């Protein structure tokens, strides 16, 4: 099976990266949804990507959705993007970015206070202190795992894993110790190589699941992407040393977001149980 991107997919990916990096930086991020940016994403077809053209959408499929969510993950786009994407064509205004939609994901509800529409029962939702200061959370008791967008969360984790790998390599090339770049030291080389392997392994799994559309493939992709995002962020912190833990660096934000996303869509425990049952 060929997972190489065609010219249109490469252009879509590059265009979304250009839009996000040109319009948004983590330095501007808060725990509020930027409504102007949300509408710009709607105008660009981010949320309506998988809607049929007859319904005002772009008419593309899950593989293309994975590509744009990978780019969202690279910049840690704040807001309930997965829930809003899945609500396009169902909730008025979701496709155009006029409405911000969130949903119950397992026992968590991200961005509850910012949402115009909430899918799922949040009657007993209580605020939860989030490890990621840019992702406000509420907890819902006994909600169960609704698995609304495991593969899209996996794509975001993939984008984060790739970004932290690139960040570590760039820093290792310019940071010097003992008169040479730290990237010349074997221990740092090994860290960066391991980060690349994790990211590319996750990429293969995420892209494959997008093509097959299989639930078990999505479970495997979520497991690998969660692992890559968390472990790559940790290794990136190792490369940066103490600098990585400061607010001057974005690395610690990738780690915190990876921890939160790992509990959304399909947790590792749920994915492992599902895969084990199928073996």
C-alpha atoms as a PDB file:
ATOM      1  CA  UNK A   1       0.000   0.000   0.000  1.00  0.00           C
ATOM      2  CA  UNK A   2       1.416   3.385  -1.014  1.00  0.00           C
ATOM      3  CA  UNK A   3       1.229   6.083   1.669  1.00  0.00           C
ATOM      4  CA  UNK A   4       3.171   8.732  -0.257  1.00  0.00           C
ATOM      5  CA  UNK A   5       1.384  12.086  -0.392  1.00  0.00           C
ATOM      6  CA  UNK A   6       0.248  13.242  -3.807  1.00  0.00           C
ATOM      7  CA  UNK A   7       0.777  16.807  -5.047  1.00  0.00           C
ATOM      8  CA  UNK A   8      -2.624  18.019  -3.813  1.00  0.00           C
ATOM      9  CA  UNK A   9      -2.079  16.566  -0.346  1.00  0.00           C
ATOM     10  CA  UNK A  10       1.372  18.112  -0.108  1.00  0.00           C
ATOM     11  CA  UNK A  11      -0.069  21.480  -1.157  1.00  0.00           C
ATOM     12  CA  UNK A  12      -2.854  21.157   1.436  1.00  0.00           C
ATOM     13  CA  UNK A  13      -0.355  20.365   4.177  1.00  0.00           C
ATOM     14  CA  UNK A  14       1.965  23.214   3.190  1.00  0.00           C
ATOM     15  CA  UNK A  15      -0.899  25.677   2.900  1.00  0.00           C
ATOM     16  CA  UNK A  16      -2.251  24.827   6.347  1.00  0.00           C
ATOM     17  CA  UNK A  17       1.227  25.122   7.860  1.00  0.00           C
ATOM     18  CA  UNK A  18       1.687  28.516   6.260  1.00  0.00           C
ATOM     19  CA  UNK A  19      -1.704  29.691   7.526  1.00  0.00           C
ATOM     20  CA  UNK A  20      -1.170  28.498  11.089  1.00  0.00           C
ATOM     21  CA  UNK A  21       2.432  29.619  11.460  1.00  0.00           C
ATOM     22  CA  UNK A  22       1.662  32.976   9.876  1.00  0.00           C
ATOM     23  CA  UNK A  23      -1.412  33.607  11.991  1.00  0.00           C
ATOM     24  CA  UNK A  24      -0.666  32.018  15.350  1.00  0.00           C
ATOM     25  CA  UNK A  25       2.221  31.630  17.795  1.00  0.00           C
ATOM     26  CA  UNK A  26       2.269  30.049  21.231  1.00  0.00           C
ATOM     27  CA  UNK A  27       3.403  33.378  22.631  1.00  0.00           C
ATOM     28  CA  UNK A  28      -0.085  34.713  21.801  1.00  0.00           C
ATOM     29  CA  UNK A  29      -1.936  31.715  23.208  1.00  0.00           C
ATOM     30  CA  UNK A  30      -4.286  31.907  26.190  1.00  0.00           C
ATOM     31  CA  UNK A  31      -6.959  29.658  27.659  1.00  0.00           C
ATOM     32  CA  UNK A  32      -9.540  31.452  25.510  1.00  0.00           C
ATOM     33  CA  UNK A  33     -10.571  30.581  21.960  1.00  0.00           C
ATOM     34  CA  UNK A  34      -9.441  33.201  19.429  1.00  0.00           C
ATOM     35  CA  UNK A  35     -12.748  33.665  17.602  1.00  0.00           C
ATOM     36  CA  UNK A  36     -11.170  35.583  14.743  1.00  0.00           C
ATOM     37  CA  UNK A  37      -8.669  32.784  14.101  1.00  0.00           C
ATOM     38  CA  UNK A  38     -11.453  30.200  14.454  1.00  0.00           C
ATOM     39  CA  UNK A  39     -13.461  31.914  11.703  1.00  0.00           C
ATOM     40  CA  UNK A  40     -10.350  32.195   9.506  1.00  0.00           C
ATOM     41  CA  UNK A  41      -9.827  28.449   9.868  1.00  0.00           C
ATOM     42  CA  UNK A  42     -13.472  27.974   8.910  1.00  0.00           C
ATOM     43  CA  UNK A  43     -13.030  30.127   5.820  1.00  0.00           C
ATOM     44  CA  UNK A  44      -9.953  28.094   4.876  1.00  0.00           C
ATOM     45  CA  UNK A  45     -12.004  24.889   5.004  1.00  0.00           C
ATOM     46  CA  UNK A  46     -10.356  23.434   8.115  1.00  0.00           C
ATOM     47  CA  UNK A  47     -13.592  22.311   9.767  1.00  0.00           C
ATOM     48  CA  UNK A  48     -15.532  21.529   6.562  1.00  0.00           C
ATOM     49  CA  UNK A  49     -12.746  19.522   4.938  1.00  0.00           C
ATOM     50  CA  UNK A  50     -14.635  16.215   5.015  1.00  0.00           C
ATOM     51  CA  UNK A  51     -18.086  17.618   4.225  1.00  0.00           C
ATOM     52  CA  UNK A  52     -19.406  16.893   0.712  1.00  0.00           C
ATOM     53  CA  UNK A  53     -19.201  19.802  -1.698  1.00  0.00           C
ATOM     54  CA  UNK A  54     -22.995  19.665  -2.074  1.00  0.00           C
ATOM     55  CA  UNK A  55     -23.225  20.578   1.616  1.00  0.00           C
ATOM     56  CA  UNK A  56     -20.788  23.459   1.327  1.00  0.00           C
ATOM     57  CA  UNK A  57     -17.720  21.474   2.279  1.00  0.00           C
ATOM     58  CA  UNK A  58     -14.388  20.753   0.617  1.00  0.00           C
ATOM     59  CA  UNK A  59     -15.252  17.139  -0.158  1.00  0.00           C
ATOM     60  CA  UNK A  60     -12.002  15.514   0.949  1.00  0.00           C
ATOM     61  CA  UNK A  61     -11.497  12.489   3.185  1.00  0.00           C
ATOM     62  CA  UNK A  62      -9.950  11.242   6.401  1.00  0.00           C
ATOM     63  CA  UNK A  63      -6.378  11.140   5.025  1.00  0.00           C
ATOM     64  CA  UNK A  64      -6.557  14.886   4.267  1.00  0.00           C
ATOM     65  CA  UNK A  65      -8.119  15.571   7.686  1.00  0.00           C
ATOM     66  CA  UNK A  66      -5.191  13.810   9.341  1.00  0.00           C
ATOM     67  CA  UNK A  67      -2.770  16.053   7.439  1.00  0.00           C
ATOM     68  CA  UNK A  68      -4.347  19.315   8.604  1.00  0.00           C
ATOM     69  CA  UNK A  69      -4.645  18.094  12.201  1.00  0.00           C
ATOM     70  CA  UNK A  70      -0.979  17.132  12.107  1.00  0.00           C
ATOM     71  CA  UNK A  71      -0.219  20.758  11.294  1.00  0.00           C
ATOM     72  CA  UNK A  72      -2.515  21.937  14.098  1.00  0.00           C
ATOM     73  CA  UNK A  73      -0.557  19.713  16.457  1.00  0.00           C
ATOM     74  CA  UNK A  74       2.743  21.244  15.399  1.00  0.00           C
ATOM     75  CA  UNK A  75       1.707  24.667  16.693  1.00  0.00           C
ATOM     76  CA  UNK A  76      -0.417  23.389  19.616  1.00  0.00           C
ATOM     77  CA  UNK A  77      -3.495  25.116  18.230  1.00  0.00           C
ATOM     78  CA  UNK A  78      -5.709  25.978  21.226  1.00  0.00           C
ATOM     79  CA  UNK A  79      -9.410  25.189  21.201  1.00  0.00           C
ATOM     80  CA  UNK A  80     -11.644  22.120  20.675  1.00  0.00           C
ATOM     81  CA  UNK A  81     -10.654  21.606  17.039  1.00  0.00           C
ATOM     82  CA  UNK A  82     -11.458  17.875  16.935  1.00  0.00           C
ATOM     83  CA  UNK A  83     -14.978  18.263  18.327  1.00  0.00           C
ATOM     84  CA  UNK A  84     -15.700  21.248  16.070  1.00  0.00           C
ATOM     85  CA  UNK A  85     -14.469  19.322  13.028  1.00  0.00           C
ATOM     86  CA  UNK A  86     -16.657  16.330  13.848  1.00  0.00           C
ATOM     87  CA  UNK A  87     -19.659  18.617  14.388  1.00  0.00           C
ATOM     88  CA  UNK A  88     -19.387  20.216  10.938  1.00  0.00           C
ATOM     89  CA  UNK A  89     -22.580  19.575   9.012  1.00  0.00           C
ATOM     90  CA  UNK A  90     -24.389  18.634  12.235  1.00  0.00           C
ATOM     91  CA  UNK A  91     -24.119  21.759  14.382  1.00  0.00           C
ATOM     92  CA  UNK A  92     -24.956  25.030  12.591  1.00  0.00           C
ATOM     93  CA  UNK A  93     -21.897  27.256  12.319  1.00  0.00           C
ATOM     94  CA  UNK A  94     -19.352  24.561  13.162  1.00  0.00           C
ATOM     95  CA  UNK A  95     -18.165  24.165   9.564  1.00  0.00           C
ATOM     96  CA  UNK A  96     -17.581  27.895   9.112  1.00  0.00           C
ATOM     97  CA  UNK A  97     -15.952  28.490  12.466  1.00  0.00           C
ATOM     98  CA  UNK A  98     -18.827  30.653  13.647  1.00  0.00           C
ATOM     99  CA  UNK A  99     -19.645  28.155  16.409  1.00  0.00           C
ATOM    100  CA  UNK A 100     -17.133  26.608  18.788  1.00  0.00           C
ATOM    101  CA  UNK A 101     -18.172  23.053  19.642  1.00  0.00           C
ATOM    102  CA  UNK A 102     -16.812  20.811  22.367  1.00  0.00           C
ATOM    103  CA  UNK A 103     -17.777  17.308  23.454  1.00  0.00           C
ATOM    104  CA  UNK A 104     -17.361  14.859  26.294  1.00  0.00           C
ATOM    105  CA  UNK A 105     -14.236  12.774  25.620  1.00  0.00           C
ATOM    106  CA  UNK A 106     -14.080   9.977  28.151  1.00  0.00           C
ATOM    107  CA  UNK A 107     -14.416  11.644  31.535  1.00  0.00           C
ATOM    108  CA  UNK A 108     -13.039  14.968  30.332  1.00  0.00           C
ATOM    109  CA  UNK A 109     -14.587  17.971  28.602  1.00  0.00           C
ATOM    110  CA  UNK A 110     -12.036  20.390  27.116  1.00  0.00           C
ATOM    111  CA  UNK A 111     -12.890  24.057  26.575  1.00  0.00           C
ATOM    112  CA  UNK A 112     -16.329  23.821  28.190  1.00  0.00           C
ATOM    113  CA  UNK A 113     -16.595  27.491  29.175  1.00  0.00           C
ATOM    114  CA  UNK A 114     -15.586  28.673  25.690  1.00  0.00           C
ATOM    115  CA  UNK A 115     -17.957  26.469  23.697  1.00  0.00           C
ATOM    116  CA  UNK A 116     -21.178  27.624  22.056  1.00  0.00           C
ATOM    117  CA  UNK A 117     -22.397  24.021  21.788  1.00  0.00           C
ATOM    118  CA  UNK A 118     -21.559  21.062  24.030  1.00  0.00           C
ATOM    119  CA  UNK A 119     -22.203  17.516  22.831  1.00  0.00           C
ATOM    120  CA  UNK A 120     -22.819  15.112  25.682  1.00  0.00           C
ATOM    121  CA  UNK A 121     -24.177  15.349  29.212  1.00  0.00           C
ATOM    122  CA  UNK A 122     -22.229  17.915  31.256  1.00  0.00           C
ATOM    123  CA  UNK A 123     -24.771  18.391  34.018  1.00  0.00           C
ATOM    124  CA  UNK A 124     -22.311  17.357  36.732  1.00  0.00           C
ATOM    125  CA  UNK A 125     -19.166  18.775  35.133  1.00  0.00           C
ATOM    126  CA  UNK A 126     -16.707  20.242  37.619  1.00  0.00           C
ATOM    127  CA  UNK A 127     -13.608  22.337  36.850  1.00  0.00           C
ATOM    128  CA  UNK A 128     -10.372  20.376  36.778  1.00  0.00           C
ATOM    129  CA  UNK A 129      -6.932  21.914  37.150  1.00  0.00           C
ATOM    130  CA  UNK A 130      -5.247  21.089  33.859  1.00  0.00           C
ATOM    131  CA  UNK A 131      -1.567  20.219  33.601  1.00  0.00           C
ATOM    132  CA  UNK A 132      -1.628  22.210  30.353  1.00  0.00           C
ATOM    133  CA  UNK A 133      -2.438  25.850  31.214  1.00  0.00           C
ATOM    134  CA  UNK A 134      -3.644  26.418  27.638  1.00  0.00           C
ATOM    135  CA  UNK A 135      -6.260  23.627  27.731  1.00  0.00           C
ATOM    136  CA  UNK A 136      -8.999  24.248  30.327  1.00  0.00           C
ATOM    137  CA  UNK A 137     -10.729  21.032  31.418  1.00  0.00           C
ATOM    138  CA  UNK A 138     -13.851  19.882  33.228  1.00  0.00           C
ATOM    139  CA  UNK A 139     -14.416  16.384  34.594  1.00  0.00           C
ATOM    140  CA  UNK A 140     -17.645  14.470  34.026  1.00  0.00           C
ATOM    141  CA  UNK A 141     -18.255  11.466  36.319  1.00  0.00           C
ATOM    142  CA  UNK A 142     -18.992   8.081  34.747  1.00  0.00           C
ATOM    143  CA  UNK A 143     -19.078   9.454  31.214  1.00  0.00           C
ATOM    144  CA  UNK A 144     -17.406   6.471  29.576  1.00  0.00           C
ATOM    145  CA  UNK A 145     -15.136   6.628  26.539  1.00  0.00           C
ATOM    146  CA  UNK A 146     -17.074   8.063  23.589  1.00  0.00           C
ATOM    147  CA  UNK A 147     -14.093   7.863  21.205  1.00  0.00           C
ATOM    148  CA  UNK A 148     -15.198  10.739  18.993  1.00  0.00           C
ATOM    149  CA  UNK A 149     -11.947  11.454  17.229  1.00  0.00           C
ATOM    150  CA  UNK A 150      -9.096   9.196  18.335  1.00  0.00           C
ATOM    151  CA  UNK A 151      -7.346   9.366  14.979  1.00  0.00           C
ATOM    152  CA  UNK A 152      -7.546  13.158  14.787  1.00  0.00           C
ATOM    153  CA  UNK A 153      -6.077  13.470  18.279  1.00  0.00           C
ATOM    154  CA  UNK A 154      -3.387  11.034  17.142  1.00  0.00           C
ATOM    155  CA  UNK A 155      -2.641  13.298  14.174  1.00  0.00           C
ATOM    156  CA  UNK A 156      -2.234  16.266  16.530  1.00  0.00           C
ATOM    157  CA  UNK A 157       0.116  14.213  18.694  1.00  0.00           C
ATOM    158  CA  UNK A 158       2.083  13.296  15.570  1.00  0.00           C
ATOM    159  CA  UNK A 159       2.464  16.965  14.673  1.00  0.00           C
ATOM    160  CA  UNK A 160       3.724  17.742  18.163  1.00  0.00           C
ATOM    161  CA  UNK A 161       6.184  14.824  18.092  1.00  0.00           C
ATOM    162  CA  UNK A 162       7.599  15.955  14.760  1.00  0.00           C
ATOM    163  CA  UNK A 163       7.874  19.547  15.952  1.00  0.00           C
ATOM    164  CA  UNK A 164       9.775  18.679  19.136  1.00  0.00           C
ATOM    165  CA  UNK A 165      12.128  16.481  17.119  1.00  0.00           C
ATOM    166  CA  UNK A 166      12.885  19.384  14.775  1.00  0.00           C
ATOM    167  CA  UNK A 167      13.266  21.760  17.728  1.00  0.00           C
ATOM    168  CA  UNK A 168      15.755  19.467  19.453  1.00  0.00           C
ATOM    169  CA  UNK A 169      17.868  19.106  16.307  1.00  0.00           C
ATOM    170  CA  UNK A 170      17.904  22.851  15.688  1.00  0.00           C
ATOM    171  CA  UNK A 171      18.935  23.578  19.275  1.00  0.00           C
ATOM    172  CA  UNK A 172      21.627  20.869  19.224  1.00  0.00           C
ATOM    173  CA  UNK A 173      23.159  22.473  16.139  1.00  0.00           C
ATOM    174  CA  UNK A 174      23.479  25.957  17.627  1.00  0.00           C
ATOM    175  CA  UNK A 175      24.082  25.308  21.355  1.00  0.00           C
ATOM    176  CA  UNK A 176      27.785  24.901  22.063  1.00  0.00           C
ATOM    177  CA  UNK A 177      29.659  23.267  24.928  1.00  0.00           C
ATOM    178  CA  UNK A 178      33.407  22.668  25.180  1.00  0.00           C
ATOM    179  CA  UNK A 179      33.917  24.557  21.942  1.00  0.00           C
ATOM    180  CA  UNK A 180      31.562  22.534  19.714  1.00  0.00           C
ATOM    181  CA  UNK A 181      27.822  22.102  19.093  1.00  0.00           C
ATOM    182  CA  UNK A 182      26.199  19.703  21.556  1.00  0.00           C
ATOM    183  CA  UNK A 183      24.829  17.836  18.542  1.00  0.00           C
ATOM    184  CA  UNK A 184      28.349  16.487  18.018  1.00  0.00           C
ATOM    185  CA  UNK A 185      28.123  14.469  21.226  1.00  0.00           C
ATOM    186  CA  UNK A 186      27.003  10.862  20.868  1.00  0.00           C
ATOM    187  CA  UNK A 187      24.430  11.000  23.681  1.00  0.00           C
ATOM    188  CA  UNK A 188      22.627  13.923  22.047  1.00  0.00           C
ATOM    189  CA  UNK A 189      22.801  12.254  18.628  1.00  0.00           C
ATOM    190  CA  UNK A 190      21.129   9.161  20.084  1.00  0.00           C
ATOM    191  CA  UNK A 191      18.338  11.219  21.652  1.00  0.00           C
ATOM    192  CA  UNK A 192      17.586  12.992  18.373  1.00  0.00           C
ATOM    193  CA  UNK A 193      17.740   9.749  16.385  1.00  0.00           C
ATOM    194  CA  UNK A 194      15.291   8.069  18.758  1.00  0.00           C
ATOM    195  CA  UNK A 195      12.939  11.043  18.467  1.00  0.00           C
ATOM    196  CA  UNK A 196      12.962  10.784  14.679  1.00  0.00           C
ATOM    197  CA  UNK A 197      12.263   7.046  14.763  1.00  0.00           C
ATOM    198  CA  UNK A 198       9.297   7.529  17.118  1.00  0.00           C
ATOM    199  CA  UNK A 199       7.832  10.325  15.012  1.00  0.00           C
ATOM    200  CA  UNK A 200       8.172   8.425  11.734  1.00  0.00           C
ATOM    201  CA  UNK A 201       6.765   5.219  13.222  1.00  0.00           C
ATOM    202  CA  UNK A 202       3.769   7.171  14.503  1.00  0.00           C
ATOM    203  CA  UNK A 203       3.415   8.896  11.125  1.00  0.00           C
ATOM    204  CA  UNK A 204       3.227   5.542   9.323  1.00  0.00           C
ATOM    205  CA  UNK A 205       0.568   4.288  11.734  1.00  0.00           C
ATOM    206  CA  UNK A 206      -1.524   7.471  11.611  1.00  0.00           C
ATOM    207  CA  UNK A 207      -1.411   7.754   7.828  1.00  0.00           C
ATOM    208  CA  UNK A 208      -2.208   4.048   7.436  1.00  0.00           C
ATOM    209  CA  UNK A 209      -5.223   4.292   9.766  1.00  0.00           C
ATOM    210  CA  UNK A 210      -6.441   7.312   7.803  1.00  0.00           C
ATOM    211  CA  UNK A 211      -6.378   5.246   4.609  1.00  0.00           C
ATOM    212  CA  UNK A 212      -7.930   2.064   6.031  1.00  0.00           C
ATOM    213  CA  UNK A 213     -10.461   3.774   8.298  1.00  0.00           C
ATOM    214  CA  UNK A 214     -10.220   0.754  10.595  1.00  0.00           C
ATOM    215  CA  UNK A 215     -11.019   1.177  14.299  1.00  0.00           C
ATOM    216  CA  UNK A 216      -8.195  -1.118  15.440  1.00  0.00           C
ATOM    217  CA  UNK A 217      -5.728   0.689  13.208  1.00  0.00           C
ATOM    218  CA  UNK A 218      -6.853   3.941  14.838  1.00  0.00           C
ATOM    219  CA  UNK A 219      -6.267   2.440  18.295  1.00  0.00           C
ATOM    220  CA  UNK A 220      -2.740   1.424  17.319  1.00  0.00           C
ATOM    221  CA  UNK A 221      -2.087   4.844  15.806  1.00  0.00           C
ATOM    222  CA  UNK A 222      -3.291   6.612  18.954  1.00  0.00           C
ATOM    223  CA  UNK A 223      -1.016   4.474  21.136  1.00  0.00           C
ATOM    224  CA  UNK A 224       2.045   5.142  18.984  1.00  0.00           C
ATOM    225  CA  UNK A 225       1.319   8.846  18.519  1.00  0.00           C
ATOM    226  CA  UNK A 226       0.696   9.422  22.237  1.00  0.00           C
ATOM    227  CA  UNK A 227       3.956   7.662  23.042  1.00  0.00           C
ATOM    228  CA  UNK A 228       5.859   9.655  20.429  1.00  0.00           C
ATOM    229  CA  UNK A 229       4.450  13.007  21.561  1.00  0.00           C
ATOM    230  CA  UNK A 230       5.175  12.447  25.251  1.00  0.00           C
ATOM    231  CA  UNK A 231       8.584  10.807  24.913  1.00  0.00           C
ATOM    232  CA  UNK A 232       9.788  13.207  22.211  1.00  0.00           C
ATOM    233  CA  UNK A 233       8.825  16.186  24.354  1.00  0.00           C
ATOM    234  CA  UNK A 234      10.731  14.674  27.283  1.00  0.00           C
ATOM    235  CA  UNK A 235      13.818  14.022  25.154  1.00  0.00           C
ATOM    236  CA  UNK A 236      13.589  17.513  23.694  1.00  0.00           C
ATOM    237  CA  UNK A 237      13.666  18.827  27.256  1.00  0.00           C
ATOM    238  CA  UNK A 238      16.792  16.751  27.876  1.00  0.00           C
ATOM    239  CA  UNK A 239      18.498  18.309  24.859  1.00  0.00           C
ATOM    240  CA  UNK A 240      17.576  21.810  26.040  1.00  0.00           C
ATOM    241  CA  UNK A 241      18.537  21.175  29.652  1.00  0.00           C
ATOM    242  CA  UNK A 242      17.153  23.643  32.190  1.00  0.00           C
ATOM    243  CA  UNK A 243      16.270  26.065  29.389  1.00  0.00           C
ATOM    244  CA  UNK A 244      13.491  23.744  28.248  1.00  0.00           C
ATOM    245  CA  UNK A 245      11.542  24.170  31.482  1.00  0.00           C
ATOM    246  CA  UNK A 246      11.350  27.959  31.236  1.00  0.00           C
ATOM    247  CA  UNK A 247       8.570  30.069  29.724  1.00  0.00           C
ATOM    248  CA  UNK A 248      11.111  31.285  27.164  1.00  0.00           C
ATOM    249  CA  UNK A 249      10.902  27.854  25.528  1.00  0.00           C
ATOM    250  CA  UNK A 250       7.855  26.134  24.031  1.00  0.00           C
ATOM    251  CA  UNK A 251       9.124  22.631  24.786  1.00  0.00           C
ATOM    252  CA  UNK A 252       7.412  22.198  28.154  1.00  0.00           C
ATOM    253  CA  UNK A 253       4.092  23.256  26.592  1.00  0.00           C
ATOM    254  CA  UNK A 254       4.355  20.415  24.079  1.00  0.00           C
ATOM    255  CA  UNK A 255       4.882  17.958  26.940  1.00  0.00           C
ATOM    256  CA  UNK A 256       1.894  19.266  28.902  1.00  0.00           C
ATOM    257  CA  UNK A 257      -0.370  19.231  25.846  1.00  0.00           C
ATOM    258  CA  UNK A 258       0.778  15.691  24.985  1.00  0.00           C
ATOM    259  CA  UNK A 259      -0.208  14.511  28.481  1.00  0.00           C
ATOM    260  CA  UNK A 260      -3.683  16.019  28.098  1.00  0.00           C
ATOM    261  CA  UNK A 261      -4.287  14.720  24.556  1.00  0.00           C
ATOM    262  CA  UNK A 262      -3.248  11.226  25.632  1.00  0.00           C
ATOM    263  CA  UNK A 263      -6.425  11.100  27.742  1.00  0.00           C
ATOM    264  CA  UNK A 264      -8.713  12.387  24.967  1.00  0.00           C
ATOM    265  CA  UNK A 265     -10.380  10.397  22.196  1.00  0.00           C
ATOM    266  CA  UNK A 266      -9.161   6.984  23.360  1.00  0.00           C
ATOM    267  CA  UNK A 267      -6.929   6.503  26.386  1.00  0.00           C
ATOM    268  CA  UNK A 268      -3.956   4.159  26.283  1.00  0.00           C
ATOM    269  CA  UNK A 269      -5.737   1.699  28.568  1.00  0.00           C
ATOM    270  CA  UNK A 270      -8.827   1.591  26.350  1.00  0.00           C
ATOM    271  CA  UNK A 271      -6.744   1.224  23.182  1.00  0.00           C
ATOM    272  CA  UNK A 272      -4.605  -1.550  24.689  1.00  0.00           C
ATOM    273  CA  UNK A 273      -7.673  -3.490  25.859  1.00  0.00           C
ATOM    274  CA  UNK A 274      -9.285  -3.181  22.438  1.00  0.00           C
ATOM    275  CA  UNK A 275      -6.159  -4.352  20.618  1.00  0.00           C
ATOM    276  CA  UNK A 276      -5.616  -7.216  23.066  1.00  0.00           C
ATOM    277  CA  UNK A 277      -9.185  -8.407  22.637  1.00  0.00           C
ATOM    278  CA  UNK A 278      -8.717  -8.522  18.862  1.00  0.00           C
ATOM    279  CA  UNK A 279      -5.518 -10.581  18.958  1.00  0.00           C
END
